[in-house]
């Protein structure tokens, strides 16, 4: 995968989905105007589903959205392997002062492995890790 890919993080997916979110219009505009291939990971989807549940959304509210992501209709889905897990774990321990989440570290490793430089996120950790935040 080349630099024409845009990794989408949990925070951006949530803001895109929830029209009441304060960042919805911004994220919607970024994604609408992008000609990049959208990519994410199964760990980001796990985190997103958990966030929907924590925010008390019913399954009926978000099931079609998640199903579209699982089917990869509009976004390619990278699967985190044991090798990625171990590299992310090493990164988490090495960069402990930044308080990165484990899912973020798996995203960083996947992005580096696939030469993806740009991310749609509301999380500043990606910028700290050296990635370009889509605007």
Protein backbone atom coordinates (compact mmCIF):
# COMPACT_ATOMS: atom_id res chain seq x y z
CA UNK A 1 0.00 0.00 0.00
CA UNK A 2 1.40 3.38 -0.94
CA UNK A 3 1.04 6.86 0.45
CA UNK A 4 -2.37 7.32 -1.21
CA UNK A 5 -3.95 5.58 1.76
CA UNK A 6 -5.67 7.22 4.70
CA UNK A 7 -5.83 5.29 7.95
CA UNK A 8 -9.05 5.95 9.86
CA UNK A 9 -8.92 5.80 13.64
CA UNK A 10 -11.70 5.13 16.15
CA UNK A 11 -12.24 8.77 17.08
CA UNK A 12 -12.77 9.77 13.45
CA UNK A 13 -15.15 6.88 12.78
CA UNK A 14 -17.20 7.85 15.82
CA UNK A 15 -17.33 11.54 14.87
CA UNK A 16 -18.31 10.58 11.32
CA UNK A 17 -21.08 8.29 12.57
CA UNK A 18 -22.55 10.58 15.25
CA UNK A 19 -23.99 13.70 13.63
CA UNK A 20 -24.24 15.32 17.08
CA UNK A 21 -20.51 14.95 17.70
CA UNK A 22 -18.72 18.33 17.76
CA UNK A 23 -16.21 17.07 15.17
CA UNK A 24 -18.74 15.43 12.82
CA UNK A 25 -18.72 18.16 10.15
CA UNK A 26 -14.93 18.36 10.14
CA UNK A 27 -14.43 14.60 9.79
CA UNK A 28 -17.23 14.29 7.23
CA UNK A 29 -15.58 17.00 5.09
CA UNK A 30 -12.14 15.35 5.34
CA UNK A 31 -13.47 11.96 4.25
CA UNK A 32 -15.78 13.36 1.57
CA UNK A 33 -12.99 15.40 -0.03
CA UNK A 34 -10.34 12.69 0.16
CA UNK A 35 -9.31 10.69 -2.88
CA UNK A 36 -7.23 8.34 -0.72
CA UNK A 37 -8.01 4.67 -0.18
CA UNK A 38 -9.48 4.31 3.32
CA UNK A 39 -7.93 1.70 5.61
CA UNK A 40 -8.33 0.67 9.23
CA UNK A 41 -7.78 -2.39 11.40
CA UNK A 42 -9.87 -5.01 13.12
CA UNK A 43 -8.61 -3.60 16.45
CA UNK A 44 -9.98 -0.16 15.56
CA UNK A 45 -13.31 -1.80 14.78
CA UNK A 46 -13.20 -3.59 18.13
CA UNK A 47 -12.55 -0.28 19.85
CA UNK A 48 -15.34 1.43 17.88
CA UNK A 49 -17.92 -1.25 18.73
CA UNK A 50 -16.92 -1.00 22.39
CA UNK A 51 -17.27 2.79 22.24
CA UNK A 52 -20.76 2.47 20.75
CA UNK A 53 -21.74 0.11 23.56
CA UNK A 54 -20.23 2.34 26.28
CA UNK A 55 -22.15 5.30 24.86
CA UNK A 56 -25.33 3.19 25.18
CA UNK A 57 -26.18 3.02 21.47
CA UNK A 58 -28.38 0.09 20.58
CA UNK A 59 -27.03 -2.53 18.23
CA UNK A 60 -29.73 -1.56 15.72
CA UNK A 61 -28.32 1.99 15.64
CA UNK A 62 -24.79 1.03 14.61
CA UNK A 63 -25.06 -2.47 13.12
CA UNK A 64 -25.42 -1.33 9.47
CA UNK A 65 -22.39 0.95 9.81
CA UNK A 66 -20.24 -1.79 11.35
CA UNK A 67 -21.45 -4.33 8.78
CA UNK A 68 -20.35 -1.99 5.98
CA UNK A 69 -16.89 -1.82 7.56
CA UNK A 70 -16.65 -5.60 8.02
CA UNK A 71 -17.60 -6.10 4.37
CA UNK A 72 -14.91 -3.60 3.34
CA UNK A 73 -17.34 -1.73 1.08
CA UNK A 74 -15.65 1.62 1.63
CA UNK A 75 -12.64 0.84 3.79
CA UNK A 76 -9.95 -1.82 3.55
CA UNK A 77 -9.55 -3.75 6.79
CA UNK A 78 -6.11 -4.83 7.99
CA UNK A 79 -6.04 -7.71 10.44
CA UNK A 80 -3.66 -7.51 13.37
CA UNK A 81 -1.47 -10.61 13.57
CA UNK A 82 0.57 -11.95 16.47
CA UNK A 83 3.69 -10.39 14.92
CA UNK A 84 1.99 -6.97 14.86
CA UNK A 85 0.83 -7.51 18.46
CA UNK A 86 4.39 -8.19 19.61
CA UNK A 87 5.83 -5.19 17.76
CA UNK A 88 3.07 -2.98 19.20
CA UNK A 89 3.72 -4.35 22.69
CA UNK A 90 7.43 -3.53 22.34
CA UNK A 91 6.55 -0.02 21.14
CA UNK A 92 4.13 0.53 24.04
CA UNK A 93 6.84 -0.41 26.54
CA UNK A 94 9.55 1.59 24.78
CA UNK A 95 7.42 4.76 24.51
CA UNK A 96 5.62 4.45 27.86
CA UNK A 97 5.97 8.17 28.60
CA UNK A 98 3.40 8.95 25.89
CA UNK A 99 0.62 6.81 27.36
CA UNK A 100 -0.31 5.39 23.93
CA UNK A 101 -3.10 2.84 23.87
CA UNK A 102 -2.25 -0.65 22.68
CA UNK A 103 -4.67 -0.25 19.76
CA UNK A 104 -2.88 2.95 18.76
CA UNK A 105 0.45 1.11 18.79
CA UNK A 106 -0.95 -1.65 16.56
CA UNK A 107 -2.18 1.09 14.21
CA UNK A 108 1.27 2.72 14.18
CA UNK A 109 2.94 -0.59 13.30
CA UNK A 110 0.41 -1.36 10.56
CA UNK A 111 0.79 2.12 9.10
CA UNK A 112 4.58 1.86 9.08
CA UNK A 113 4.46 -1.63 7.56
CA UNK A 114 2.16 -0.43 4.75
CA UNK A 115 3.92 2.93 4.27
CA UNK A 116 0.82 4.90 5.27
CA UNK A 117 1.72 8.39 6.39
CA UNK A 118 -1.67 10.06 6.86
CA UNK A 119 -4.44 9.38 9.38
CA UNK A 120 -7.92 10.70 10.01
CA UNK A 121 -8.12 10.94 13.79
CA UNK A 122 -8.91 13.26 16.66
CA UNK A 123 -6.10 11.63 18.67
CA UNK A 124 -2.85 13.63 18.93
CA UNK A 125 -0.90 10.45 19.66
CA UNK A 126 -0.64 9.79 15.93
CA UNK A 127 1.12 13.12 15.42
CA UNK A 128 3.47 12.36 18.33
CA UNK A 129 4.27 9.04 16.60
CA UNK A 130 5.22 10.92 13.41
CA UNK A 131 2.11 10.61 11.25
CA UNK A 132 0.34 13.39 9.36
CA UNK A 133 -3.15 14.24 10.60
CA UNK A 134 -5.63 14.73 7.74
CA UNK A 135 -7.19 18.19 7.76
